[in-house]
Amino acid sequence: MSLLKSLVSSLIKSKLDDRKKELQARLIAEIGSTESAWVKARNQAYINLLDGANKSVVNRIEKELDKL
């Protein structure tokens, strides 16, 4: 049972890490393509949050960016 639990946990973490990388790439691309200091600061703050983010934080950042 513990092996299965460990495997599932690893799979979930891997998918979350992939989402974080995709989101970080999106934020970095926007930083590079804008002249707005506000957008650059906001995106850098989101990037800083992503390092320790759990699923709900990643969901929230994605939701906020999709509104723009």
Protein backbone atom coordinates (compact mmCIF):
# COMPACT_ATOMS: atom_id res chain seq x y z
CA MET A 1 0.00 0.00 0.00
CA SER A 2 2.76 2.45 0.86
CA LEU A 3 4.50 1.79 -2.47
CA LEU A 4 1.30 2.66 -4.34
CA LYS A 5 0.83 5.79 -2.25
CA SER A 6 4.41 6.84 -2.94
CA LEU A 7 4.00 6.25 -6.67
CA VAL A 8 0.79 8.28 -6.85
CA SER A 9 2.35 11.08 -4.83
CA SER A 10 5.36 11.15 -7.15
CA LEU A 11 3.13 11.28 -10.24
CA ILE A 12 1.06 14.15 -8.85
CA LYS A 13 4.19 16.10 -7.89
CA SER A 14 5.63 15.55 -11.36
CA LYS A 15 2.50 16.90 -13.07
CA LEU A 16 2.46 19.92 -10.76
CA ASP A 17 6.13 20.60 -11.49
CA ASP A 18 5.39 20.45 -15.23
CA ARG A 19 2.57 22.99 -14.81
CA LYS A 20 4.89 25.25 -12.81
CA LYS A 21 7.53 25.12 -15.57
CA GLU A 22 4.97 25.92 -18.27
CA LEU A 23 3.58 28.81 -16.26
CA GLN A 24 7.05 30.14 -15.50
CA ALA A 25 7.95 30.06 -19.22
CA ARG A 26 4.75 31.97 -20.02
CA LEU A 27 5.53 34.61 -17.39
CA ILE A 28 9.14 35.01 -18.53
CA ALA A 29 8.02 35.39 -22.16
CA GLU A 30 5.61 38.14 -21.17
CA ILE A 31 8.32 39.91 -19.16
CA GLY A 32 10.51 39.90 -22.27
CA SER A 33 7.81 41.22 -24.57
CA THR A 34 6.38 44.09 -22.52
CA GLU A 35 7.52 47.59 -21.67
CA SER A 36 5.17 47.80 -18.69
CA ALA A 37 6.99 47.96 -15.36
CA TRP A 38 3.79 46.80 -13.65
CA VAL A 39 3.51 43.64 -15.77
CA LYS A 40 7.19 42.87 -15.23
CA ALA A 41 6.87 43.29 -11.45
CA ARG A 42 3.65 41.27 -11.28
CA ASN A 43 5.06 38.43 -13.33
CA GLN A 44 8.28 38.35 -11.31
CA ALA A 45 6.22 38.13 -8.12
CA TYR A 46 4.27 35.21 -9.61
CA ILE A 47 7.54 33.50 -10.58
CA ASN A 48 8.83 33.91 -7.03
CA LEU A 49 5.61 32.38 -5.66
CA LEU A 50 5.82 29.38 -7.97
CA ASP A 51 8.92 27.95 -6.28
CA GLY A 52 6.99 26.88 -3.19
CA ALA A 53 3.51 26.82 -4.69
CA ASN A 54 1.05 24.02 -4.16
CA LYS A 55 -1.72 23.07 -6.59
CA SER A 56 -4.17 25.72 -5.37
CA VAL A 57 -1.63 28.53 -5.78
CA VAL A 58 -0.76 27.37 -9.30
CA ASN A 59 -4.48 27.19 -10.15
CA ARG A 60 -5.01 30.72 -8.86
CA ILE A 61 -2.08 32.19 -10.80
CA GLU A 62 -3.26 30.48 -14.00
CA LYS A 63 -6.80 31.76 -13.43
CA GLU A 64 -5.61 35.34 -12.90
CA LEU A 65 -3.44 35.28 -16.02
CA ASP A 66 -6.25 33.83 -18.12
CA LYS A 67 -8.43 36.82 -17.16
CA LEU A 68 -5.96 39.23 -18.77
